[in-house]
Amino acid sequence: MIYAVLLFAVMGGIYALIYYLNHKTPVPEGCENAKAECTGCRITSCANHPSHDLEEER
């Protein structure tokens, strides 16, 4: 039981560290506004798909 709690704590700590480091990393040059260049494709679940903008405007 104690091993499961320790494992969960270690995994949570690793996740928190990776999350923090990911948000601290600067956006690469040329990728600041990827949504502006997207005209849409068949993958409608993508966050950059223009159909999401239409739903927000309603």
PDB file of N, CA and C in Angstrom:
ATOM      1  N   MET A   1       0.822  -1.196   0.000  1.00  0.00           N
ATOM      2  CA  MET A   1       0.000   0.000   0.000  1.00  0.00           C
ATOM      3  C   MET A   1       0.863   1.255   0.000  1.00  0.00           C
ATOM      4  N   ILE A   2       1.896   1.278   0.802  1.00  0.00           N
ATOM      5  CA  ILE A   2       2.759   2.455   0.888  1.00  0.00           C
ATOM      6  C   ILE A   2       3.510   2.675  -0.426  1.00  0.00           C
ATOM      7  N   TYR A   3       3.819   1.555  -1.121  1.00  0.00           N
ATOM      8  CA  TYR A   3       4.509   1.671  -2.402  1.00  0.00           C
ATOM      9  C   TYR A   3       3.616   2.334  -3.451  1.00  0.00           C
ATOM     10  N   ALA A   4       2.349   2.027  -3.408  1.00  0.00           N
ATOM     11  CA  ALA A   4       1.411   2.631  -4.353  1.00  0.00           C
ATOM     12  C   ALA A   4       1.298   4.135  -4.112  1.00  0.00           C
ATOM     13  N   VAL A   5       1.257   4.535  -2.867  1.00  0.00           N
ATOM     14  CA  VAL A   5       1.174   5.965  -2.531  1.00  0.00           C
ATOM     15  C   VAL A   5       2.450   6.675  -2.966  1.00  0.00           C
ATOM     16  N   LEU A   6       3.591   6.078  -2.707  1.00  0.00           N
ATOM     17  CA  LEU A   6       4.865   6.680  -3.120  1.00  0.00           C
ATOM     18  C   LEU A   6       4.976   6.767  -4.638  1.00  0.00           C
ATOM     19  N   LEU A   7       4.554   5.719  -5.321  1.00  0.00           N
ATOM     20  CA  LEU A   7       4.598   5.719  -6.777  1.00  0.00           C
ATOM     21  C   LEU A   7       3.698   6.815  -7.330  1.00  0.00           C
ATOM     22  N   PHE A   8       2.503   6.947  -6.775  1.00  0.00           N
ATOM     23  CA  PHE A   8       1.573   7.989  -7.208  1.00  0.00           C
ATOM     24  C   PHE A   8       2.167   9.378  -6.949  1.00  0.00           C
ATOM     25  N   ALA A   9       2.806   9.578  -5.817  1.00  0.00           N
ATOM     26  CA  ALA A   9       3.421  10.863  -5.489  1.00  0.00           C
ATOM     27  C   ALA A   9       4.571  11.187  -6.448  1.00  0.00           C
ATOM     28  N   VAL A  10       5.383  10.190  -6.765  1.00  0.00           N
ATOM     29  CA  VAL A  10       6.506  10.399  -7.684  1.00  0.00           C
ATOM     30  C   VAL A  10       5.983  10.718  -9.083  1.00  0.00           C
ATOM     31  N   MET A  11       4.983   9.986  -9.538  1.00  0.00           N
ATOM     32  CA  MET A  11       4.417  10.253 -10.868  1.00  0.00           C
ATOM     33  C   MET A  11       3.770  11.634 -10.922  1.00  0.00           C
ATOM     34  N   GLY A  12       3.087  12.033  -9.865  1.00  0.00           N
ATOM     35  CA  GLY A  12       2.493  13.364  -9.811  1.00  0.00           C
ATOM     36  C   GLY A  12       3.549  14.449  -9.818  1.00  0.00           C
ATOM     37  N   GLY A  13       4.636  14.229  -9.104  1.00  0.00           N
ATOM     38  CA  GLY A  13       5.737  15.187  -9.090  1.00  0.00           C
ATOM     39  C   GLY A  13       6.403  15.324 -10.451  1.00  0.00           C
ATOM     40  N   ILE A  14       6.611  14.213 -11.126  1.00  0.00           N
ATOM     41  CA  ILE A  14       7.193  14.246 -12.465  1.00  0.00           C
ATOM     42  C   ILE A  14       6.273  14.986 -13.426  1.00  0.00           C
ATOM     43  N   TYR A  15       4.977  14.709 -13.330  1.00  0.00           N
ATOM     44  CA  TYR A  15       4.011  15.394 -14.188  1.00  0.00           C
ATOM     45  C   TYR A  15       4.039  16.902 -13.929  1.00  0.00           C
ATOM     46  N   ALA A  16       4.048  17.303 -12.674  1.00  0.00           N
ATOM     47  CA  ALA A  16       4.062  18.725 -12.328  1.00  0.00           C
ATOM     48  C   ALA A  16       5.333  19.397 -12.842  1.00  0.00           C
ATOM     49  N   LEU A  17       6.466  18.735 -12.721  1.00  0.00           N
ATOM     50  CA  LEU A  17       7.730  19.294 -13.201  1.00  0.00           C
ATOM     51  C   LEU A  17       7.721  19.449 -14.721  1.00  0.00           C
ATOM     52  N   ILE A  18       7.270  18.442 -15.437  1.00  0.00           N
ATOM     53  CA  ILE A  18       7.208  18.516 -16.898  1.00  0.00           C
ATOM     54  C   ILE A  18       6.228  19.590 -17.336  1.00  0.00           C
ATOM     55  N   TYR A  19       5.091  19.698 -16.663  1.00  0.00           N
ATOM     56  CA  TYR A  19       4.097  20.730 -16.975  1.00  0.00           C
ATOM     57  C   TYR A  19       4.698  22.123 -16.786  1.00  0.00           C
ATOM     58  N   TYR A  20       5.399  22.332 -15.682  1.00  0.00           N
ATOM     59  CA  TYR A  20       6.033  23.619 -15.405  1.00  0.00           C
ATOM     60  C   TYR A  20       7.096  23.948 -16.456  1.00  0.00           C
ATOM     61  N   LEU A  21       7.946  23.001 -16.764  1.00  0.00           N
ATOM     62  CA  LEU A  21       9.012  23.242 -17.740  1.00  0.00           C
ATOM     63  C   LEU A  21       8.447  23.473 -19.136  1.00  0.00           C
ATOM     64  N   ASN A  22       7.354  22.816 -19.490  1.00  0.00           N
ATOM     65  CA  ASN A  22       6.740  23.003 -20.795  1.00  0.00           C
ATOM     66  C   ASN A  22       6.192  24.426 -20.936  1.00  0.00           C
ATOM     67  N   HIS A  23       5.553  24.944 -19.911  1.00  0.00           N
ATOM     68  CA  HIS A  23       5.003  26.294 -19.982  1.00  0.00           C
ATOM     69  C   HIS A  23       6.079  27.359 -19.874  1.00  0.00           C
ATOM     70  N   LYS A  24       7.231  27.015 -19.350  1.00  0.00           N
ATOM     71  CA  LYS A  24       8.355  27.948 -19.235  1.00  0.00           C
ATOM     72  C   LYS A  24       9.114  28.056 -20.569  1.00  0.00           C
ATOM     73  N   THR A  25       8.989  27.066 -21.430  1.00  0.00           N
ATOM     74  CA  THR A  25       9.688  27.031 -22.708  1.00  0.00           C
ATOM     75  C   THR A  25       9.074  28.055 -23.663  1.00  0.00           C
ATOM     76  N   PRO A  26       9.905  28.898 -24.298  1.00  0.00           N
ATOM     77  CA  PRO A  26       9.357  29.888 -25.226  1.00  0.00           C
ATOM     78  C   PRO A  26       8.821  29.229 -26.501  1.00  0.00           C
ATOM     79  N   VAL A  27       7.846  29.873 -27.115  1.00  0.00           N
ATOM     80  CA  VAL A  27       7.257  29.388 -28.362  1.00  0.00           C
ATOM     81  C   VAL A  27       8.288  29.590 -29.476  1.00  0.00           C
ATOM     82  N   PRO A  28       8.518  28.589 -30.327  1.00  0.00           N
ATOM     83  CA  PRO A  28       9.491  28.732 -31.408  1.00  0.00           C
ATOM     84  C   PRO A  28       9.098  29.849 -32.379  1.00  0.00           C
ATOM     85  N   GLU A  29      10.083  30.465 -32.970  1.00  0.00           N
ATOM     86  CA  GLU A  29       9.851  31.551 -33.923  1.00  0.00           C
ATOM     87  C   GLU A  29       9.066  31.018 -35.120  1.00  0.00           C
ATOM     88  N   GLY A  30       8.029  31.722 -35.498  1.00  0.00           N
ATOM     89  CA  GLY A  30       7.197  31.316 -36.612  1.00  0.00           C
ATOM     90  C   GLY A  30       5.971  30.514 -36.194  1.00  0.00           C
ATOM     91  N   CYS A  31       5.885  30.155 -34.925  1.00  0.00           N
ATOM     92  CA  CYS A  31       4.754  29.363 -34.437  1.00  0.00           C
ATOM     93  C   CYS A  31       3.881  30.152 -33.465  1.00  0.00           C
ATOM     94  N   GLU A  32       4.068  31.446 -33.416  1.00  0.00           N
ATOM     95  CA  GLU A  32       3.334  32.261 -32.454  1.00  0.00           C
ATOM     96  C   GLU A  32       1.834  32.229 -32.714  1.00  0.00           C
ATOM     97  N   ASN A  33       1.428  32.257 -33.980  1.00  0.00           N
ATOM     98  CA  ASN A  33       0.013  32.288 -34.306  1.00  0.00           C
ATOM     99  C   ASN A  33      -0.270  31.257 -35.395  1.00  0.00           C
ATOM    100  N   ALA A  34      -0.288  30.004 -35.020  1.00  0.00           N
ATOM    101  CA  ALA A  34      -0.522  28.928 -35.988  1.00  0.00           C
ATOM    102  C   ALA A  34      -1.961  28.943 -36.474  1.00  0.00           C
ATOM    103  N   LYS A  35      -2.880  29.461 -35.698  1.00  0.00           N
ATOM    104  CA  LYS A  35      -4.285  29.456 -36.054  1.00  0.00           C
ATOM    105  C   LYS A  35      -4.568  30.360 -37.250  1.00  0.00           C
ATOM    106  N   ALA A  36      -3.809  31.421 -37.421  1.00  0.00           N
ATOM    107  CA  ALA A  36      -4.056  32.356 -38.510  1.00  0.00           C
ATOM    108  C   ALA A  36      -3.829  31.714 -39.875  1.00  0.00           C
ATOM    109  N   GLU A  37      -2.925  30.740 -39.959  1.00  0.00           N
ATOM    110  CA  GLU A  37      -2.591  30.115 -41.236  1.00  0.00           C
ATOM    111  C   GLU A  37      -3.447  28.888 -41.541  1.00  0.00           C
ATOM    112  N   CYS A  38      -4.223  28.439 -40.588  1.00  0.00           N
ATOM    113  CA  CYS A  38      -5.011  27.218 -40.788  1.00  0.00           C
ATOM    114  C   CYS A  38      -6.288  27.538 -41.556  1.00  0.00           C
ATOM    115  N   THR A  39      -6.496  26.805 -42.659  1.00  0.00           N
ATOM    116  CA  THR A  39      -7.716  26.987 -43.441  1.00  0.00           C
ATOM    117  C   THR A  39      -8.682  25.823 -43.230  1.00  0.00           C
ATOM    118  N   GLY A  40      -8.264  24.840 -42.483  1.00  0.00           N
ATOM    119  CA  GLY A  40      -9.126  23.717 -42.168  1.00  0.00           C
ATOM    120  C   GLY A  40      -8.829  22.493 -43.000  1.00  0.00           C
ATOM    121  N   CYS A  41      -9.076  21.349 -42.405  1.00  0.00           N
ATOM    122  CA  CYS A  41      -8.899  20.069 -43.088  1.00  0.00           C
ATOM    123  C   CYS A  41      -9.978  19.132 -42.581  1.00  0.00           C
ATOM    124  N   ARG A  42      -9.816  17.859 -42.789  1.00  0.00           N
ATOM    125  CA  ARG A  42     -10.845  16.900 -42.389  1.00  0.00           C
ATOM    126  C   ARG A  42     -10.795  16.574 -40.897  1.00  0.00           C
ATOM    127  N   ILE A  43      -9.758  16.999 -40.204  1.00  0.00           N
ATOM    128  CA  ILE A  43      -9.635  16.703 -38.780  1.00  0.00           C
ATOM    129  C   ILE A  43     -10.311  17.826 -38.003  1.00  0.00           C
ATOM    130  N   THR A  44     -11.592  17.649 -37.715  1.00  0.00           N
ATOM    131  CA  THR A  44     -12.353  18.708 -37.061  1.00  0.00           C
ATOM    132  C   THR A  44     -12.132  18.753 -35.559  1.00  0.00           C
ATOM    133  N   SER A  45     -11.483  17.748 -34.992  1.00  0.00           N
ATOM    134  CA  SER A  45     -11.220  17.766 -33.558  1.00  0.00           C
ATOM    135  C   SER A  45      -9.984  18.591 -33.207  1.00  0.00           C
ATOM    136  N   CYS A  46      -9.248  19.034 -34.202  1.00  0.00           N
ATOM    137  CA  CYS A  46      -8.054  19.846 -33.988  1.00  0.00           C
ATOM    138  C   CYS A  46      -8.460  21.213 -33.429  1.00  0.00           C
ATOM    139  N   ALA A  47      -7.697  21.717 -32.481  1.00  0.00           N
ATOM    140  CA  ALA A  47      -8.015  23.002 -31.850  1.00  0.00           C
ATOM    141  C   ALA A  47      -7.840  24.172 -32.822  1.00  0.00           C
ATOM    142  N   ASN A  48      -7.082  24.003 -33.888  1.00  0.00           N
ATOM    143  CA  ASN A  48      -6.865  25.079 -34.845  1.00  0.00           C
ATOM    144  C   ASN A  48      -7.912  25.115 -35.955  1.00  0.00           C
ATOM    145  N   HIS A  49      -8.818  24.152 -35.993  1.00  0.00           N
ATOM    146  CA  HIS A  49      -9.806  24.078 -37.067  1.00  0.00           C
ATOM    147  C   HIS A  49     -10.739  25.289 -37.006  1.00  0.00           C
ATOM    148  N   PRO A  50     -10.993  25.937 -38.148  1.00  0.00           N
ATOM    149  CA  PRO A  50     -11.820  27.145 -38.160  1.00  0.00           C
ATOM    150  C   PRO A  50     -13.264  26.938 -37.702  1.00  0.00           C
ATOM    151  N   SER A  51     -13.768  25.724 -37.726  1.00  0.00           N
ATOM    152  CA  SER A  51     -15.151  25.492 -37.294  1.00  0.00           C
ATOM    153  C   SER A  51     -15.335  25.811 -35.812  1.00  0.00           C
ATOM    154  N   HIS A  52     -14.270  25.740 -35.031  1.00  0.00           N
ATOM    155  CA  HIS A  52     -14.356  26.078 -33.606  1.00  0.00           C
ATOM    156  C   HIS A  52     -14.584  27.576 -33.429  1.00  0.00           C
ATOM    157  N   ASP A  53     -14.067  28.398 -34.330  1.00  0.00           N
ATOM    158  CA  ASP A  53     -14.265  29.834 -34.241  1.00  0.00           C
ATOM    159  C   ASP A  53     -15.722  30.185 -34.512  1.00  0.00           C
ATOM    160  N   LEU A  54     -16.356  29.477 -35.428  1.00  0.00           N
ATOM    161  CA  LEU A  54     -17.754  29.744 -35.746  1.00  0.00           C
ATOM    162  C   LEU A  54     -18.660  29.436 -34.565  1.00  0.00           C
ATOM    163  N   GLU A  55     -18.350  28.380 -33.832  1.00  0.00           N
ATOM    164  CA  GLU A  55     -19.165  28.015 -32.685  1.00  0.00           C
ATOM    165  C   GLU A  55     -19.011  29.031 -31.556  1.00  0.00           C
ATOM    166  N   GLU A  56     -17.842  29.638 -31.409  1.00  0.00           N
ATOM    167  CA  GLU A  56     -17.608  30.617 -30.360  1.00  0.00           C
ATOM    168  C   GLU A  56     -18.317  31.936 -30.636  1.00  0.00           C
ATOM    169  N   GLU A  57     -18.509  32.286 -31.912  1.00  0.00           N
ATOM    170  CA  GLU A  57     -19.111  33.557 -32.272  1.00  0.00           C
ATOM    171  C   GLU A  57     -20.618  33.569 -32.064  1.00  0.00           C
ATOM    172  N   ARG A  58     -21.255  32.422 -32.032  1.00  0.00           N
ATOM    173  CA  ARG A  58     -22.720  32.352 -31.908  1.00  0.00           C
ATOM    174  C   ARG A  58     -23.206  32.868 -30.602  1.00  0.00           C
TER     175      ARG A  58
END
